[in-house]
Amino acid sequence: LRRRPQTKYQDPDQQIAVKRSDRVRLVKM
């Protein structure tokens, strides 16, 4: 197993700790 610096990896801790406000932005028009 070799980690390449140019490859993007997922971080499960950040995915679990995300909130709705970080993902969705409601805009009133």
PDB file of all heavy atoms in Angstrom:
ATOM      1  N   LEU A   1       0.844  -1.197   0.000  1.00  0.00           N
ATOM      2  CA  LEU A   1       0.000   0.000   0.000  1.00  0.00           C
ATOM      3  C   LEU A   1       0.874   1.239   0.000  1.00  0.00           C
ATOM      4  O   LEU A   1       1.641   1.479   0.924  1.00  0.00           O
ATOM      5  CB  LEU A   1      -0.921  -0.011   1.230  1.00  0.00           C
ATOM      6  CG  LEU A   1      -1.933   1.127   1.305  1.00  0.00           C
ATOM      7  CD1 LEU A   1      -2.911   1.060   0.141  1.00  0.00           C
ATOM      8  CD2 LEU A   1      -2.671   1.091   2.627  1.00  0.00           C
ATOM      9  N   ARG A   2       0.764   2.004  -1.050  1.00  0.00           N
ATOM     10  CA  ARG A   2       1.532   3.249  -1.166  1.00  0.00           C
ATOM     11  C   ARG A   2       0.558   4.408  -1.371  1.00  0.00           C
ATOM     12  O   ARG A   2      -0.318   4.345  -2.227  1.00  0.00           O
ATOM     13  CB  ARG A   2       2.501   3.178  -2.349  1.00  0.00           C
ATOM     14  CG  ARG A   2       3.570   2.126  -2.201  1.00  0.00           C
ATOM     15  CD  ARG A   2       4.562   2.201  -3.356  1.00  0.00           C
ATOM     16  NE  ARG A   2       5.586   1.187  -3.236  1.00  0.00           N
ATOM     17  CZ  ARG A   2       5.495  -0.018  -3.771  1.00  0.00           C
ATOM     18  NH1 ARG A   2       4.418  -0.353  -4.449  1.00  0.00           N
ATOM     19  NH2 ARG A   2       6.472  -0.891  -3.632  1.00  0.00           N
ATOM     20  N   ARG A   3       0.747   5.445  -0.603  1.00  0.00           N
ATOM     21  CA  ARG A   3      -0.109   6.622  -0.729  1.00  0.00           C
ATOM     22  C   ARG A   3       0.584   7.642  -1.636  1.00  0.00           C
ATOM     23  O   ARG A   3       1.692   8.080  -1.354  1.00  0.00           O
ATOM     24  CB  ARG A   3      -0.403   7.246   0.635  1.00  0.00           C
ATOM     25  CG  ARG A   3      -1.304   6.386   1.481  1.00  0.00           C
ATOM     26  CD  ARG A   3      -1.781   7.153   2.708  1.00  0.00           C
ATOM     27  NE  ARG A   3      -2.778   6.391   3.434  1.00  0.00           N
ATOM     28  CZ  ARG A   3      -4.073   6.441   3.193  1.00  0.00           C
ATOM     29  NH1 ARG A   3      -4.528   7.197   2.219  1.00  0.00           N
ATOM     30  NH2 ARG A   3      -4.923   5.734   3.922  1.00  0.00           N
ATOM     31  N   ARG A   4      -0.091   8.005  -2.690  1.00  0.00           N
ATOM     32  CA  ARG A   4       0.449   8.996  -3.612  1.00  0.00           C
ATOM     33  C   ARG A   4      -0.072  10.373  -3.224  1.00  0.00           C
ATOM     34  O   ARG A   4      -1.250  10.539  -2.918  1.00  0.00           O
ATOM     35  CB  ARG A   4       0.027   8.664  -5.034  1.00  0.00           C
ATOM     36  CG  ARG A   4       0.550   7.315  -5.490  1.00  0.00           C
ATOM     37  CD  ARG A   4       0.090   6.980  -6.879  1.00  0.00           C
ATOM     38  NE  ARG A   4       0.592   5.675  -7.294  1.00  0.00           N
ATOM     39  CZ  ARG A   4       0.264   5.091  -8.442  1.00  0.00           C
ATOM     40  NH1 ARG A   4      -0.554   5.695  -9.271  1.00  0.00           N
ATOM     41  NH2 ARG A   4       0.762   3.917  -8.745  1.00  0.00           N
ATOM     42  N   PRO A   5       0.792  11.388  -3.264  1.00  0.00           N
ATOM     43  CA  PRO A   5       0.341  12.727  -2.808  1.00  0.00           C
ATOM     44  C   PRO A   5      -0.677  13.363  -3.741  1.00  0.00           C
ATOM     45  O   PRO A   5      -1.498  14.169  -3.306  1.00  0.00           O
ATOM     46  CB  PRO A   5       1.649  13.536  -2.758  1.00  0.00           C
ATOM     47  CG  PRO A   5       2.597  12.789  -3.643  1.00  0.00           C
ATOM     48  CD  PRO A   5       2.215  11.347  -3.576  1.00  0.00           C
ATOM     49  N   GLN A   6      -0.669  13.025  -5.024  1.00  0.00           N
ATOM     50  CA  GLN A   6      -1.602  13.649  -5.950  1.00  0.00           C
ATOM     51  C   GLN A   6      -2.979  12.973  -5.972  1.00  0.00           C
ATOM     52  O   GLN A   6      -3.903  13.469  -6.612  1.00  0.00           O
ATOM     53  CB  GLN A   6      -1.032  13.664  -7.374  1.00  0.00           C
ATOM     54  CG  GLN A   6      -0.849  12.284  -7.991  1.00  0.00           C
ATOM     55  CD  GLN A   6       0.523  11.709  -7.729  1.00  0.00           C
ATOM     56  OE1 GLN A   6       1.212  12.166  -6.820  1.00  0.00           O
ATOM     57  NE2 GLN A   6       0.923  10.738  -8.524  1.00  0.00           N
ATOM     58  N   THR A   7      -3.117  11.861  -5.262  1.00  0.00           N
ATOM     59  CA  THR A   7      -4.391  11.151  -5.229  1.00  0.00           C
ATOM     60  C   THR A   7      -5.241  11.693  -4.093  1.00  0.00           C
ATOM     61  O   THR A   7      -4.755  11.920  -2.985  1.00  0.00           O
ATOM     62  CB  THR A   7      -4.166   9.640  -5.037  1.00  0.00           C
ATOM     63  OG1 THR A   7      -3.280   9.180  -6.055  1.00  0.00           O
ATOM     64  CG2 THR A   7      -5.464   8.878  -5.138  1.00  0.00           C
ATOM     65  N   LYS A   8      -6.536  11.909  -4.363  1.00  0.00           N
ATOM     66  CA  LYS A   8      -7.458  12.404  -3.349  1.00  0.00           C
ATOM     67  C   LYS A   8      -8.045  11.220  -2.581  1.00  0.00           C
ATOM     68  O   LYS A   8      -8.476  10.230  -3.173  1.00  0.00           O
ATOM     69  CB  LYS A   8      -8.582  13.203  -4.001  1.00  0.00           C
ATOM     70  CG  LYS A   8      -8.092  14.476  -4.661  1.00  0.00           C
ATOM     71  CD  LYS A   8      -9.236  15.254  -5.262  1.00  0.00           C
ATOM     72  CE  LYS A   8      -8.746  16.545  -5.893  1.00  0.00           C
ATOM     73  NZ  LYS A   8      -9.864  17.298  -6.515  1.00  0.00           N
ATOM     74  N   TYR A   9      -8.062  11.335  -1.267  1.00  0.00           N
ATOM     75  CA  TYR A   9      -8.585  10.286  -0.409  1.00  0.00           C
ATOM     76  C   TYR A   9      -9.757  10.827   0.406  1.00  0.00           C
ATOM     77  O   TYR A   9      -9.833  12.027   0.679  1.00  0.00           O
ATOM     78  CB  TYR A   9      -7.504   9.769   0.554  1.00  0.00           C
ATOM     79  CG  TYR A   9      -6.356   9.092  -0.134  1.00  0.00           C
ATOM     80  CD1 TYR A   9      -5.174   9.777  -0.394  1.00  0.00           C
ATOM     81  CD2 TYR A   9      -6.447   7.767  -0.527  1.00  0.00           C
ATOM     82  CE1 TYR A   9      -4.121   9.164  -1.034  1.00  0.00           C
ATOM     83  CE2 TYR A   9      -5.387   7.135  -1.166  1.00  0.00           C
ATOM     84  CZ  TYR A   9      -4.233   7.839  -1.412  1.00  0.00           C
ATOM     85  OH  TYR A   9      -3.192   7.223  -2.052  1.00  0.00           O
ATOM     86  N   GLN A  10     -10.659   9.950   0.783  1.00  0.00           N
ATOM     87  CA  GLN A  10     -11.789  10.323   1.617  1.00  0.00           C
ATOM     88  C   GLN A  10     -11.432  10.150   3.088  1.00  0.00           C
ATOM     89  O   GLN A  10     -10.736   9.209   3.454  1.00  0.00           O
ATOM     90  CB  GLN A  10     -13.011   9.464   1.279  1.00  0.00           C
ATOM     91  CG  GLN A  10     -13.536   9.691  -0.124  1.00  0.00           C
ATOM     92  CD  GLN A  10     -14.753   8.825  -0.404  1.00  0.00           C
ATOM     93  OE1 GLN A  10     -15.103   7.978   0.395  1.00  0.00           O
ATOM     94  NE2 GLN A  10     -15.380   9.054  -1.537  1.00  0.00           N
ATOM     95  N   ASP A  11     -11.946  11.068   3.887  1.00  0.00           N
ATOM     96  CA  ASP A  11     -11.755  11.008   5.336  1.00  0.00           C
ATOM     97  C   ASP A  11     -13.109  10.726   5.974  1.00  0.00           C
ATOM     98  O   ASP A  11     -13.980  11.602   6.011  1.00  0.00           O
ATOM     99  CB  ASP A  11     -11.175  12.324   5.860  1.00  0.00           C
ATOM    100  CG  ASP A  11     -10.715  12.194   7.309  1.00  0.00           C
ATOM    101  OD1 ASP A  11     -10.882  11.100   7.890  1.00  0.00           O
ATOM    102  OD2 ASP A  11     -10.189  13.180   7.850  1.00  0.00           O
ATOM    103  N   PRO A  12     -13.332   9.503   6.465  1.00  0.00           N
ATOM    104  CA  PRO A  12     -14.654   9.187   7.040  1.00  0.00           C
ATOM    105  C   PRO A  12     -15.007  10.049   8.245  1.00  0.00           C
ATOM    106  O   PRO A  12     -16.187  10.325   8.482  1.00  0.00           O
ATOM    107  CB  PRO A  12     -14.523   7.712   7.434  1.00  0.00           C
ATOM    108  CG  PRO A  12     -13.410   7.184   6.600  1.00  0.00           C
ATOM    109  CD  PRO A  12     -12.478   8.323   6.410  1.00  0.00           C
ATOM    110  N   ASP A  13     -14.011  10.481   9.031  1.00  0.00           N
ATOM    111  CA  ASP A  13     -14.306  11.330  10.199  1.00  0.00           C
ATOM    112  C   ASP A  13     -14.922  12.661   9.777  1.00  0.00           C
ATOM    113  O   ASP A  13     -15.879  13.140  10.391  1.00  0.00           O
ATOM    114  CB  ASP A  13     -13.029  11.580  11.004  1.00  0.00           C
ATOM    115  CG  ASP A  13     -12.519  10.301  11.659  1.00  0.00           C
ATOM    116  OD1 ASP A  13     -13.352   9.410  11.920  1.00  0.00           O
ATOM    117  OD2 ASP A  13     -11.302  10.193  11.893  1.00  0.00           O
ATOM    118  N   GLN A  14     -14.383  13.252   8.731  1.00  0.00           N
ATOM    119  CA  GLN A  14     -14.945  14.511   8.250  1.00  0.00           C
ATOM    120  C   GLN A  14     -16.314  14.311   7.612  1.00  0.00           C
ATOM    121  O   GLN A  14     -17.182  15.181   7.703  1.00  0.00           O
ATOM    122  CB  GLN A  14     -13.989  15.153   7.241  1.00  0.00           C
ATOM    123  CG  GLN A  14     -12.692  15.633   7.868  1.00  0.00           C
ATOM    124  CD  GLN A  14     -11.782  16.297   6.849  1.00  0.00           C
ATOM    125  OE1 GLN A  14     -12.140  16.402   5.676  1.00  0.00           O
ATOM    126  NE2 GLN A  14     -10.621  16.736   7.308  1.00  0.00           N
ATOM    127  N   GLN A  15     -16.521  13.168   6.983  1.00  0.00           N
ATOM    128  CA  GLN A  15     -17.814  12.909   6.370  1.00  0.00           C
ATOM    129  C   GLN A  15     -18.905  12.729   7.422  1.00  0.00           C
ATOM    130  O   GLN A  15     -20.043  13.153   7.228  1.00  0.00           O
ATOM    131  CB  GLN A  15     -17.733  11.661   5.488  1.00  0.00           C
ATOM    132  CG  GLN A  15     -16.900  11.866   4.240  1.00  0.00           C
ATOM    133  CD  GLN A  15     -16.757  10.586   3.439  1.00  0.00           C
ATOM    134  OE1 GLN A  15     -16.931   9.503   3.968  1.00  0.00           O
ATOM    135  NE2 GLN A  15     -16.450  10.728   2.162  1.00  0.00           N
ATOM    136  N   ILE A  16     -18.565  12.115   8.536  1.00  0.00           N
ATOM    137  CA  ILE A  16     -19.557  11.895   9.596  1.00  0.00           C
ATOM    138  C   ILE A  16     -19.840  13.188  10.350  1.00  0.00           C
ATOM    139  O   ILE A  16     -20.977  13.463  10.741  1.00  0.00           O
ATOM    140  CB  ILE A  16     -19.067  10.790  10.554  1.00  0.00           C
ATOM    141  CG1 ILE A  16     -19.016   9.448   9.821  1.00  0.00           C
ATOM    142  CG2 ILE A  16     -19.965  10.673  11.773  1.00  0.00           C
ATOM    143  CD1 ILE A  16     -18.366   8.344  10.618  1.00  0.00           C
ATOM    144  N   ALA A  17     -18.815  14.008  10.550  1.00  0.00           N
ATOM    145  CA  ALA A  17     -18.977  15.236  11.337  1.00  0.00           C
ATOM    146  C   ALA A  17     -19.608  16.385  10.566  1.00  0.00           C
ATOM    147  O   ALA A  17     -19.789  17.469  11.123  1.00  0.00           O
ATOM    148  CB  ALA A  17     -17.614  15.679  11.880  1.00  0.00           C
ATOM    149  N   VAL A  18     -19.979  16.197   9.331  1.00  0.00           N
ATOM    150  CA  VAL A  18     -20.524  17.290   8.533  1.00  0.00           C
ATOM    151  C   VAL A  18     -21.953  17.610   8.982  1.00  0.00           C
ATOM    152  O   VAL A  18     -22.687  16.748   9.475  1.00  0.00           O
ATOM    153  CB  VAL A  18     -20.485  16.896   7.034  1.00  0.00           C
ATOM    154  CG1 VAL A  18     -21.555  15.865   6.713  1.00  0.00           C
ATOM    155  CG2 VAL A  18     -20.638  18.119   6.164  1.00  0.00           C
ATOM    156  N   LYS A  19     -22.349  18.878   8.860  1.00  0.00           N
ATOM    157  CA  LYS A  19     -23.695  19.326   9.212  1.00  0.00           C
ATOM    158  C   LYS A  19     -24.448  19.738   7.956  1.00  0.00           C
ATOM    159  O   LYS A  19     -23.878  19.891   6.890  1.00  0.00           O
ATOM    160  CB  LYS A  19     -23.612  20.503  10.195  1.00  0.00           C
ATOM    161  CG  LYS A  19     -22.952  20.133  11.518  1.00  0.00           C
ATOM    162  CD  LYS A  19     -22.862  21.350  12.422  1.00  0.00           C
ATOM    163  CE  LYS A  19     -22.156  20.987  13.727  1.00  0.00           C
ATOM    164  NZ  LYS A  19     -22.003  22.164  14.613  1.00  0.00           N
ATOM    165  N   ARG A  20     -25.748  19.952   8.164  1.00  0.00           N
ATOM    166  CA  ARG A  20     -26.562  20.319   7.017  1.00  0.00           C
ATOM    167  C   ARG A  20     -26.188  21.680   6.464  1.00  0.00           C
ATOM    168  O   ARG A  20     -26.184  21.901   5.265  1.00  0.00           O
ATOM    169  CB  ARG A  20     -28.047  20.303   7.423  1.00  0.00           C
ATOM    170  CG  ARG A  20     -28.978  20.518   6.246  1.00  0.00           C
ATOM    171  CD  ARG A  20     -30.413  20.574   6.685  1.00  0.00           C
ATOM    172  NE  ARG A  20     -30.646  21.772   7.487  1.00  0.00           N
ATOM    173  CZ  ARG A  20     -31.838  22.159   7.931  1.00  0.00           C
ATOM    174  NH1 ARG A  20     -32.896  21.419   7.685  1.00  0.00           N
ATOM    175  NH2 ARG A  20     -31.971  23.249   8.645  1.00  0.00           N
ATOM    176  N   SER A  21     -25.828  22.575   7.374  1.00  0.00           N
ATOM    177  CA  SER A  21     -25.472  23.920   6.911  1.00  0.00           C
ATOM    178  C   SER A  21     -24.186  23.927   6.098  1.00  0.00           C
ATOM    179  O   SER A  21     -23.951  24.831   5.303  1.00  0.00           O
ATOM    180  CB  SER A  21     -25.330  24.862   8.115  1.00  0.00           C
ATOM    181  OG  SER A  21     -24.334  24.364   8.999  1.00  0.00           O
ATOM    182  N   ASP A  22     -23.326  22.912   6.301  1.00  0.00           N
ATOM    183  CA  ASP A  22     -22.104  22.832   5.507  1.00  0.00           C
ATOM    184  C   ASP A  22     -22.365  22.329   4.098  1.00  0.00           C
ATOM    185  O   ASP A  22     -21.576  22.606   3.186  1.00  0.00           O
ATOM    186  CB  ASP A  22     -21.098  21.905   6.193  1.00  0.00           C
ATOM    187  CG  ASP A  22     -20.701  22.409   7.570  1.00  0.00           C
ATOM    188  OD1 ASP A  22     -20.754  23.634   7.780  1.00  0.00           O
ATOM    189  OD2 ASP A  22     -20.345  21.562   8.413  1.00  0.00           O
ATOM    190  N   ARG A  23     -23.438  21.588   3.919  1.00  0.00           N
ATOM    191  CA  ARG A  23     -23.728  20.981   2.621  1.00  0.00           C
ATOM    192  C   ARG A  23     -24.731  21.787   1.787  1.00  0.00           C
ATOM    193  O   ARG A  23     -24.568  21.927   0.595  1.00  0.00           O
ATOM    194  CB  ARG A  23     -24.302  19.566   2.827  1.00  0.00           C
ATOM    195  CG  ARG A  23     -23.342  18.600   3.466  1.00  0.00           C
ATOM    196  CD  ARG A  23     -22.296  18.146   2.517  1.00  0.00           C
ATOM    197  NE  ARG A  23     -21.445  17.114   3.086  1.00  0.00           N
ATOM    198  CZ  ARG A  23     -20.401  16.610   2.475  1.00  0.00           C
ATOM    199  NH1 ARG A  23     -20.046  17.064   1.300  1.00  0.00           N
ATOM    200  NH2 ARG A  23     -19.665  15.689   3.053  1.00  0.00           N
ATOM    201  N   VAL A  24     -25.775  22.287   2.457  1.00  0.00           N
ATOM    202  CA  VAL A  24     -26.881  22.921   1.735  1.00  0.00           C
ATOM    203  C   VAL A  24     -26.975  24.383   2.158  1.00  0.00           C
ATOM    204  O   VAL A  24     -26.926  24.707   3.350  1.00  0.00           O
ATOM    205  CB  VAL A  24     -28.208  22.186   2.028  1.00  0.00           C
ATOM    206  CG1 VAL A  24     -29.360  22.843   1.274  1.00  0.00           C
ATOM    207  CG2 VAL A  24     -28.092  20.723   1.652  1.00  0.00           C
ATOM    208  N   ARG A  25     -27.140  25.258   1.204  1.00  0.00           N
ATOM    209  CA  ARG A  25     -27.330  26.689   1.472  1.00  0.00           C
ATOM    210  C   ARG A  25     -28.650  27.115   0.846  1.00  0.00           C
ATOM    211  O   ARG A  25     -28.843  26.993  -0.365  1.00  0.00           O
ATOM    212  CB  ARG A  25     -26.174  27.507   0.882  1.00  0.00           C
ATOM    213  CG  ARG A  25     -26.254  28.992   1.215  1.00  0.00           C
ATOM    214  CD  ARG A  25     -24.940  29.678   0.924  1.00  0.00           C
ATOM    215  NE  ARG A  25     -24.551  29.561  -0.464  1.00  0.00           N
ATOM    216  CZ  ARG A  25     -24.818  30.505  -1.384  1.00  0.00           C
ATOM    217  NH1 ARG A  25     -25.489  31.603  -1.061  1.00  0.00           N
ATOM    218  NH2 ARG A  25     -24.417  30.342  -2.628  1.00  0.00           N
ATOM    219  N   LEU A  26     -29.566  27.525   1.685  1.00  0.00           N
ATOM    220  CA  LEU A  26     -30.883  27.957   1.215  1.00  0.00           C
ATOM    221  C   LEU A  26     -30.830  29.428   0.819  1.00  0.00           C
ATOM    222  O   LEU A  26     -30.380  30.287   1.600  1.00  0.00           O
ATOM    223  CB  LEU A  26     -31.938  27.740   2.291  1.00  0.00           C
ATOM    224  CG  LEU A  26     -32.151  26.282   2.723  1.00  0.00           C
ATOM    225  CD1 LEU A  26     -33.161  26.215   3.859  1.00  0.00           C
ATOM    226  CD2 LEU A  26     -32.623  25.459   1.552  1.00  0.00           C
ATOM    227  N   VAL A  27     -31.257  29.721  -0.356  1.00  0.00           N
ATOM    228  CA  VAL A  27     -31.250  31.086  -0.874  1.00  0.00           C
ATOM    229  C   VAL A  27     -32.678  31.493  -1.148  1.00  0.00           C
ATOM    230  O   VAL A  27     -33.423  30.790  -1.852  1.00  0.00           O
ATOM    231  CB  VAL A  27     -30.408  31.178  -2.163  1.00  0.00           C
ATOM    232  CG1 VAL A  27     -30.461  32.612  -2.731  1.00  0.00           C
ATOM    233  CG2 VAL A  27     -28.987  30.749  -1.898  1.00  0.00           C
ATOM    234  N   LYS A  28     -33.136  32.623  -0.568  1.00  0.00           N
ATOM    235  CA  LYS A  28     -34.473  33.131  -0.802  1.00  0.00           C
ATOM    236  C   LYS A  28     -34.442  34.174  -1.916  1.00  0.00           C
ATOM    237  O   LYS A  28     -33.680  35.142  -1.852  1.00  0.00           O
ATOM    238  CB  LYS A  28     -35.041  33.761   0.476  1.00  0.00           C
ATOM    239  CG  LYS A  28     -35.305  32.739   1.574  1.00  0.00           C
ATOM    240  CD  LYS A  28     -35.950  33.395   2.767  1.00  0.00           C
ATOM    241  CE  LYS A  28     -36.220  32.370   3.856  1.00  0.00           C
ATOM    242  NZ  LYS A  28     -36.871  32.975   5.039  1.00  0.00           N
ATOM    243  N   MET A  29     -35.270  33.968  -2.895  1.00  0.00           N
ATOM    244  CA  MET A  29     -35.338  34.884  -4.031  1.00  0.00           C
ATOM    245  C   MET A  29     -36.794  35.244  -4.288  1.00  0.00           C
ATOM    246  O   MET A  29     -37.683  34.403  -4.100  1.00  0.00           O
ATOM    247  CB  MET A  29     -34.746  34.227  -5.298  1.00  0.00           C
ATOM    248  CG  MET A  29     -33.260  33.912  -5.184  1.00  0.00           C
ATOM    249  SD  MET A  29     -32.613  33.116  -6.647  1.00  0.00           S
ATOM    250  CE  MET A  29     -32.924  34.393  -7.859  1.00  0.00           C
TER     251      MET A  29
END
